[in-house]
């Protein structure tokens, strides 16, 4: 019988032992006034900071980032093309255009606009008319498109999110979390690189009306190139920010702020904290043995589990780090075992749960054992279990 095996590799990690610079005692750590915050480094897949990461709040205009991702996904599947023309309905014009008084790309009623232009209106202008037009173009209505948004969100790991419209117009039902927003940003950066530059596009002119990019964080945080900001009457101000600097990208989300100034300050302190308070460390090299997995019915009772690649993690620059290393795999493994078989993962666990995962593989082959060896393994399992 296969069981999930958890092996504690180390009870704690010392900064010096990991090759990190050791500061003086009492060194500062990342803090923020944001009620909710999440900071992630995609390259090493490390969670750097989490505060109320799964507390739900209304996304406001950040729903438009999800709208963009949903259209990107539809284009990647060939369901719609960049040059597909979408008709601007009276509903899109009246509800999201100039008559509504909100952010708009000033799309003319009953005009036909290509998807690529509507995306620029959506992302650069934060146009509500563009959001509605794209929704109607794909699914015929905002409601149907919102269902598509929520399905995609779940598929990419946004387990705490629900969307009810493409604009972010106020709704007590619509919810997201800072963890989910960062997952969304990571999904777009990783899977839709061709369209990602739109988020930092400085301006866009449509219908002879010039408008600058309405992301309030652009130009305020060095090297920031996306993704957006939002506000709701009930849950305050929020932001989703992605920065690539000195060869490292980080993605952060903050929420629950009382003003746009507080939102900017919180986004800055979280983003800048990734460079000020964290250092990258290679804790294992590719091929290093990290643990041993039990084997049933083989010529040997154990096989080494090795790192599939270098294991590099961003960790706080502190004298003593409250982190644990654990290996998790389904075992015992059944012989024969082939070297190089993906088997379980190494987890780095901090105060906020798992901050990093690295795949492991078997470091040797174990042939199938004799009947006597199998019988002995069976007896050992019966008497003692696979502990």
Protein backbone atom coordinates (compact mmCIF):
# COMPACT_ATOMS: atom_id res chain seq x y z
CA UNK A 1 0.00 0.00 0.00
CA UNK A 2 1.36 3.43 -0.97
CA UNK A 3 1.38 6.12 1.69
CA UNK A 4 2.49 9.73 1.72
CA UNK A 5 5.88 9.80 3.41
CA UNK A 6 7.22 12.94 5.09
CA UNK A 7 10.90 13.08 6.00
CA UNK A 8 12.29 15.98 8.03
CA UNK A 9 15.65 16.85 6.51
CA UNK A 10 16.52 19.72 8.83
CA UNK A 11 14.82 21.34 11.80
CA UNK A 12 16.15 24.78 11.03
CA UNK A 13 18.43 26.62 8.63
CA UNK A 14 21.26 28.89 9.67
CA UNK A 15 21.99 31.77 7.33
CA UNK A 16 25.74 31.26 7.45
CA UNK A 17 25.36 27.58 6.66
CA UNK A 18 23.43 28.44 3.51
CA UNK A 19 25.99 30.92 2.26
CA UNK A 20 23.84 33.95 3.02
CA UNK A 21 25.44 37.09 4.43
CA UNK A 22 24.88 37.16 8.19
CA UNK A 23 23.90 40.64 9.43
CA UNK A 24 24.14 41.96 12.96
CA UNK A 25 21.71 40.65 15.55
CA UNK A 26 18.32 42.34 15.44
CA UNK A 27 18.39 42.85 11.68
CA UNK A 28 15.18 44.23 10.23
CA UNK A 29 12.72 42.13 8.32
CA UNK A 30 10.13 43.00 5.73
CA UNK A 31 7.06 44.68 7.20
CA UNK A 32 4.10 46.42 5.66
CA UNK A 33 1.07 48.41 6.78
CA UNK A 34 -1.03 46.69 4.15
CA UNK A 35 -3.72 44.50 5.77
CA UNK A 36 -3.11 41.93 3.01
CA UNK A 37 0.14 41.36 1.12
CA UNK A 38 1.89 38.64 -0.87
CA UNK A 39 5.34 38.60 -2.47
CA UNK A 40 6.59 35.90 -4.85
CA UNK A 41 9.75 35.23 -6.86
CA UNK A 42 8.84 33.15 -9.95
CA UNK A 43 12.32 31.97 -10.97
CA UNK A 44 12.92 30.05 -7.75
CA UNK A 45 9.17 29.70 -7.10
CA UNK A 46 9.70 31.13 -3.61
CA UNK A 47 7.05 32.81 -1.47
CA UNK A 48 8.97 35.65 0.12
CA UNK A 49 6.23 37.22 2.23
CA UNK A 50 2.60 36.52 3.07
CA UNK A 51 0.15 38.43 5.23
CA UNK A 52 -3.54 37.45 5.24
CA UNK A 53 -2.81 35.96 1.83
CA UNK A 54 -6.15 34.16 1.53
CA UNK A 55 -8.48 36.78 2.98
CA UNK A 56 -11.09 37.62 0.32
CA UNK A 57 -11.77 41.13 -0.94
CA UNK A 58 -13.55 42.75 -3.86
CA UNK A 59 -11.10 43.18 -6.79
CA UNK A 60 -12.50 46.38 -8.31
CA UNK A 61 -10.69 47.28 -11.54
CA UNK A 62 -8.18 44.49 -10.97
CA UNK A 63 -10.88 42.29 -12.52
CA UNK A 64 -9.74 43.78 -15.82
CA UNK A 65 -6.42 41.96 -15.45
CA UNK A 66 -8.42 38.72 -15.26
CA UNK A 67 -10.43 39.86 -18.28
CA UNK A 68 -7.21 40.38 -20.23
CA UNK A 69 -5.90 36.96 -19.19
CA UNK A 70 -9.15 35.34 -20.30
CA UNK A 71 -8.91 36.94 -23.74
CA UNK A 72 -5.23 35.96 -23.98
CA UNK A 73 -6.19 32.36 -23.25
CA UNK A 74 -8.93 32.42 -25.88
CA UNK A 75 -6.46 33.74 -28.46
CA UNK A 76 -3.88 31.09 -27.58
CA UNK A 77 -6.55 28.44 -28.21
CA UNK A 78 -7.46 30.02 -31.55
CA UNK A 79 -11.00 30.75 -30.39
CA UNK A 80 -10.55 34.38 -31.29
CA UNK A 81 -7.80 36.15 -33.25
CA UNK A 82 -6.00 39.45 -32.61
CA UNK A 83 -7.59 40.91 -35.74
CA UNK A 84 -11.10 39.59 -35.09
CA UNK A 85 -13.49 42.53 -35.16
CA UNK A 86 -15.91 43.04 -32.29
CA UNK A 87 -19.01 45.19 -32.51
CA UNK A 88 -19.55 47.89 -29.87
CA UNK A 89 -23.11 47.35 -28.66
CA UNK A 90 -25.29 50.03 -27.18
CA UNK A 91 -24.90 48.27 -23.83
CA UNK A 92 -21.08 48.42 -24.02
CA UNK A 93 -21.21 52.10 -25.04
CA UNK A 94 -23.83 53.20 -22.54
CA UNK A 95 -22.61 51.11 -19.59
CA UNK A 96 -18.86 51.37 -20.16
CA UNK A 97 -18.34 54.29 -22.52
CA UNK A 98 -18.47 58.06 -22.17
CA UNK A 99 -22.13 58.16 -20.98
CA UNK A 100 -21.17 56.11 -17.91
CA UNK A 101 -18.58 58.61 -16.72
CA UNK A 102 -15.93 56.02 -15.87
CA UNK A 103 -12.67 55.02 -17.50
CA UNK A 104 -13.23 54.44 -21.21
CA UNK A 105 -11.40 54.06 -24.50
CA UNK A 106 -14.18 56.12 -26.17
CA UNK A 107 -15.24 53.33 -28.52
CA UNK A 108 -17.96 54.58 -30.89
CA UNK A 109 -21.36 52.91 -30.65
CA UNK A 110 -22.01 50.27 -33.36
CA UNK A 111 -18.39 50.50 -34.57
CA UNK A 112 -16.28 47.40 -35.13
CA UNK A 113 -12.91 47.23 -33.38
CA UNK A 114 -10.20 44.58 -33.60
CA UNK A 115 -9.46 42.52 -30.50
CA UNK A 116 -5.88 43.82 -30.30
CA UNK A 117 -7.12 47.42 -30.16
CA UNK A 118 -9.76 46.54 -27.59
CA UNK A 119 -7.07 44.90 -25.45
CA UNK A 120 -5.06 48.12 -25.53
CA UNK A 121 -8.18 50.03 -24.58
CA UNK A 122 -8.74 47.58 -21.74
CA UNK A 123 -5.17 47.46 -20.41
CA UNK A 124 -3.82 50.95 -21.15
CA UNK A 125 -7.02 52.97 -20.77
CA UNK A 126 -8.70 50.63 -18.25
CA UNK A 127 -11.68 51.06 -20.55
CA UNK A 128 -14.93 49.61 -19.26
CA UNK A 129 -16.37 49.76 -22.77
CA UNK A 130 -13.45 47.65 -24.02
CA UNK A 131 -14.00 45.10 -21.27
CA UNK A 132 -17.69 44.72 -22.05
CA UNK A 133 -17.10 44.59 -25.81
CA UNK A 134 -14.55 41.79 -25.44
CA UNK A 135 -16.90 39.85 -23.18
CA UNK A 136 -19.79 40.16 -25.62
CA UNK A 137 -17.53 39.29 -28.55
CA UNK A 138 -16.46 36.02 -26.96
CA UNK A 139 -19.55 34.89 -25.08
CA UNK A 140 -22.44 37.16 -26.02
CA UNK A 141 -22.87 38.65 -22.55
CA UNK A 142 -20.95 39.84 -19.51
CA UNK A 143 -22.50 37.11 -17.38
CA UNK A 144 -21.36 34.26 -19.63
CA UNK A 145 -17.89 35.76 -19.95
CA UNK A 146 -17.64 36.12 -16.17
CA UNK A 147 -18.29 32.40 -15.86
CA UNK A 148 -15.38 31.83 -18.25
CA UNK A 149 -13.21 34.13 -16.13
CA UNK A 150 -13.95 32.16 -12.98
CA UNK A 151 -13.29 28.81 -14.68
CA UNK A 152 -9.90 30.00 -15.95
CA UNK A 153 -9.10 31.40 -12.52
CA UNK A 154 -9.71 28.00 -10.93
CA UNK A 155 -7.68 26.26 -13.64
CA UNK A 156 -4.60 28.37 -12.93
CA UNK A 157 -4.83 27.92 -9.18
CA UNK A 158 -6.85 30.97 -8.12
CA UNK A 159 -8.94 28.94 -5.70
CA UNK A 160 -10.31 31.89 -3.73
CA UNK A 161 -11.58 34.00 -6.62
CA UNK A 162 -14.92 34.56 -8.28
CA UNK A 163 -15.71 37.09 -10.99
CA UNK A 164 -19.15 38.38 -11.95
CA UNK A 165 -18.31 40.95 -14.63
CA UNK A 166 -15.34 41.91 -16.85
CA UNK A 167 -15.12 45.51 -15.64
CA UNK A 168 -14.77 45.18 -11.89
CA UNK A 169 -17.96 47.15 -11.29
CA UNK A 170 -18.99 46.82 -7.67
CA UNK A 171 -20.43 43.48 -6.63
CA UNK A 172 -20.64 41.88 -3.20
CA UNK A 173 -20.24 38.48 -4.85
CA UNK A 174 -16.97 39.16 -6.70
CA UNK A 175 -13.94 38.14 -4.62
CA UNK A 176 -10.23 37.51 -4.96
CA UNK A 177 -7.16 37.28 -2.69
CA UNK A 178 -3.63 38.65 -2.84
CA UNK A 179 -2.30 35.11 -3.30
CA UNK A 180 -4.64 34.59 -6.25
CA UNK A 181 -3.70 37.92 -7.83
CA UNK A 182 -0.02 37.01 -7.74
CA UNK A 183 -0.85 33.66 -9.34
CA UNK A 184 -2.69 35.58 -12.05
CA UNK A 185 0.28 37.87 -12.64
CA UNK A 186 2.63 34.89 -12.79
CA UNK A 187 0.33 33.12 -15.25
CA UNK A 188 0.28 36.11 -17.60
CA UNK A 189 4.03 36.75 -17.45
CA UNK A 190 4.82 33.08 -18.02
CA UNK A 191 2.20 32.15 -20.63
CA UNK A 192 1.41 35.33 -22.54
CA UNK A 193 4.73 37.12 -22.96
CA UNK A 194 3.76 38.46 -26.40
CA UNK A 195 0.95 40.54 -24.90
CA UNK A 196 2.46 41.35 -21.52
CA UNK A 197 4.22 44.57 -22.75
CA UNK A 198 0.77 46.15 -23.11
CA UNK A 199 0.69 46.56 -19.32
CA UNK A 200 3.60 49.02 -19.47
CA UNK A 201 2.64 50.63 -22.78
CA UNK A 202 2.86 54.37 -22.01
CA UNK A 203 -0.16 55.52 -24.01
CA UNK A 204 -2.76 54.64 -26.62
CA UNK A 205 -4.79 56.82 -28.95
CA UNK A 206 -8.26 55.77 -30.05
CA UNK A 207 -11.01 57.72 -31.75
CA UNK A 208 -8.46 60.58 -31.99
CA UNK A 209 -8.31 60.77 -28.19
CA UNK A 210 -4.85 60.40 -26.62
CA UNK A 211 -4.69 58.79 -23.18
CA UNK A 212 -1.75 57.79 -21.02
CA UNK A 213 -1.56 54.46 -19.21
CA UNK A 214 -3.85 54.63 -16.21
CA UNK A 215 -1.91 52.21 -13.97
CA UNK A 216 -1.12 54.52 -11.01
CA UNK A 217 2.00 52.50 -10.10
CA UNK A 218 3.76 52.93 -13.46
CA UNK A 219 6.64 55.37 -13.16
CA UNK A 220 6.39 55.32 -9.36
CA UNK A 221 8.26 52.05 -8.74
CA UNK A 222 11.57 51.48 -10.52
CA UNK A 223 11.43 48.85 -13.31
CA UNK A 224 7.75 48.11 -12.70
CA UNK A 225 6.14 46.82 -15.92
CA UNK A 226 2.65 45.74 -14.80
CA UNK A 227 -0.01 44.79 -13.90
CA UNK A 228 -2.70 47.04 -12.40
CA UNK A 229 -4.62 48.56 -9.50
CA UNK A 230 -8.15 48.50 -8.18
CA UNK A 231 -10.50 50.02 -5.65
CA UNK A 232 -13.81 49.09 -4.09
CA UNK A 233 -16.04 51.05 -1.71
CA UNK A 234 -16.16 48.16 0.73
CA UNK A 235 -12.60 46.79 0.67
CA UNK A 236 -10.41 49.76 -0.20
CA UNK A 237 -7.45 50.04 -2.55
CA UNK A 238 -5.45 47.15 -3.99
CA UNK A 239 -2.58 46.66 -6.43
CA UNK A 240 -0.87 43.91 -8.41
CA UNK A 241 2.72 44.77 -9.29
CA UNK A 242 5.43 42.99 -11.27
CA UNK A 243 9.03 44.21 -11.35
CA UNK A 244 12.08 42.86 -13.17
CA UNK A 245 15.32 44.28 -11.85
CA UNK A 246 18.93 43.06 -11.98
CA UNK A 247 17.83 39.82 -13.63
CA UNK A 248 15.25 38.99 -10.96
CA UNK A 249 11.48 39.29 -11.28
CA UNK A 250 9.15 39.54 -8.32
CA UNK A 251 5.36 39.78 -8.29
CA UNK A 252 3.50 41.36 -5.40
CA UNK A 253 -0.05 42.16 -4.40
CA UNK A 254 -1.33 44.40 -1.61
CA UNK A 255 -4.93 45.10 -0.59
CA UNK A 256 -7.18 46.72 1.99
CA UNK A 257 -5.46 50.12 1.85
CA UNK A 258 -7.37 53.30 2.77
CA UNK A 259 -6.13 55.52 -0.09
CA UNK A 260 -4.22 55.57 -3.35
CA UNK A 261 -1.18 57.04 -1.54
CA UNK A 262 -1.25 54.27 1.05
CA UNK A 263 -1.56 51.71 -1.75
CA UNK A 264 1.52 53.07 -3.52
CA UNK A 265 3.53 53.19 -0.29
CA UNK A 266 2.61 49.59 0.56
CA UNK A 267 3.42 48.33 -2.93
CA UNK A 268 6.79 50.09 -2.79
CA UNK A 269 7.79 48.71 0.60
CA UNK A 270 6.85 45.15 -0.35
CA UNK A 271 8.56 45.26 -3.75
CA UNK A 272 11.72 46.97 -2.47
CA UNK A 273 11.83 44.55 0.45
CA UNK A 274 12.56 41.69 -1.92
CA UNK A 275 15.96 43.22 -2.65
CA UNK A 276 16.63 44.70 0.77
CA UNK A 277 15.74 41.79 3.03
CA UNK A 278 16.21 38.65 0.93
CA UNK A 279 19.23 36.92 -0.56
CA UNK A 280 19.40 33.99 -2.94
CA UNK A 281 21.11 30.84 -1.74
CA UNK A 282 21.85 27.51 -3.40
CA UNK A 283 21.10 24.96 -0.69
CA UNK A 284 21.62 21.88 -2.88
CA UNK A 285 23.35 21.23 -6.19
CA UNK A 286 21.91 19.06 -8.92
CA UNK A 287 22.55 15.43 -8.06
CA UNK A 288 22.95 15.95 -4.32
CA UNK A 289 21.36 13.25 -2.18
CA UNK A 290 18.68 14.83 0.01
CA UNK A 291 17.01 11.77 1.55
CA UNK A 292 16.43 8.05 1.10
CA UNK A 293 13.14 6.51 0.00
CA UNK A 294 12.01 3.06 1.15
CA UNK A 295 11.77 0.34 -1.51
CA UNK A 296 9.51 -2.73 -1.40
CA UNK A 297 10.44 -5.95 -3.10
CA UNK A 298 13.89 -4.95 -4.30
CA UNK A 299 17.47 -6.04 -3.88
CA UNK A 300 17.89 -2.99 -1.65
CA UNK A 301 15.50 -1.56 0.92
CA UNK A 302 16.28 2.10 0.12
CA UNK A 303 17.13 4.32 -2.81
CA UNK A 304 18.59 7.85 -2.66
CA UNK A 305 16.40 10.78 -3.66
CA UNK A 306 18.46 13.45 -5.39
CA UNK A 307 17.90 17.02 -6.52
CA UNK A 308 16.72 17.13 -10.15
CA UNK A 309 18.40 20.52 -10.55
CA UNK A 310 20.14 23.12 -8.42
CA UNK A 311 17.92 24.13 -5.50
CA UNK A 312 18.21 27.90 -5.10
CA UNK A 313 15.89 29.72 -2.72
CA UNK A 314 15.41 33.34 -1.76
CA UNK A 315 15.55 33.46 2.03
CA UNK A 316 15.56 36.28 4.58
CA UNK A 317 18.94 37.72 5.50
CA UNK A 318 18.82 36.73 9.17
CA UNK A 319 21.17 35.15 11.67
CA UNK A 320 18.77 32.27 12.33
CA UNK A 321 16.02 31.38 9.90
CA UNK A 322 12.92 29.62 11.15
CA UNK A 323 12.62 27.29 8.17
CA UNK A 324 12.35 23.51 7.89
CA UNK A 325 13.20 21.19 5.03
CA UNK A 326 10.96 18.22 4.32
CA UNK A 327 10.91 15.52 1.67
CA UNK A 328 7.49 14.20 0.67
CA UNK A 329 6.95 11.16 -1.56
CA UNK A 330 4.45 8.32 -2.02
CA UNK A 331 6.02 5.16 -0.75
CA UNK A 332 7.34 2.64 -0.34
CA UNK A 333 8.50 2.54 -3.96
CA UNK A 334 7.88 -0.80 -5.64
CA UNK A 335 10.84 -2.50 -7.31
CA UNK A 336 12.09 -2.40 -9.95
CA UNK A 337 13.05 1.25 -9.53
CA UNK A 338 14.75 3.10 -12.39
CA UNK A 339 17.30 5.85 -11.76
CA UNK A 340 16.08 9.31 -12.75
CA UNK A 341 12.41 8.65 -11.99
CA UNK A 342 10.55 11.70 -10.65
CA UNK A 343 9.71 10.85 -7.04
CA UNK A 344 8.29 13.39 -4.61
CA UNK A 345 9.56 16.83 -3.75
CA UNK A 346 11.62 18.85 -1.32
CA UNK A 347 9.64 21.48 0.58
CA UNK A 348 10.98 24.53 2.38
CA UNK A 349 8.48 25.39 5.11
CA UNK A 350 8.31 28.69 6.99
CA UNK A 351 5.91 30.38 9.35
CA UNK A 352 3.40 30.93 6.52
CA UNK A 353 3.52 27.37 5.22
CA UNK A 354 5.34 26.02 2.17
CA UNK A 355 7.48 28.74 0.57
CA UNK A 356 9.32 26.61 -1.98
CA UNK A 357 9.04 23.23 -3.71
CA UNK A 358 11.72 21.38 -5.68
CA UNK A 359 11.20 18.09 -7.57
CA UNK A 360 13.28 15.06 -6.63
CA UNK A 361 14.25 11.96 -8.56
CA UNK A 362 15.68 8.55 -7.77
CA UNK A 363 19.47 8.56 -7.74
CA UNK A 364 19.99 4.86 -8.50
CA UNK A 365 18.26 1.80 -9.91
CA UNK A 366 16.99 -1.00 -7.68
CA UNK A 367 16.29 -4.33 -9.44
CA UNK A 368 13.40 -6.53 -8.41
CA UNK A 369 14.39 -8.81 -5.54
CA UNK A 370 14.08 -12.55 -5.05
CA UNK A 371 10.98 -14.21 -3.65
CA UNK A 372 12.75 -14.46 -0.30
CA UNK A 373 13.50 -10.71 -0.27
CA UNK A 374 9.89 -9.88 -1.22
CA UNK A 375 8.59 -12.15 1.52
CA UNK A 376 10.85 -10.49 4.06
CA UNK A 377 9.65 -7.03 2.98
CA UNK A 378 6.05 -8.19 3.27
CA UNK A 379 6.66 -9.51 6.77
CA UNK A 380 8.36 -6.25 7.83
CA UNK A 381 5.40 -4.24 6.49
CA UNK A 382 2.94 -6.49 8.31
CA UNK A 383 4.79 -6.25 11.61
CA UNK A 384 6.05 -2.68 11.64
CA UNK A 385 4.53 -0.83 8.68
CA UNK A 386 6.62 1.44 6.45
CA UNK A 387 7.61 4.08 8.96
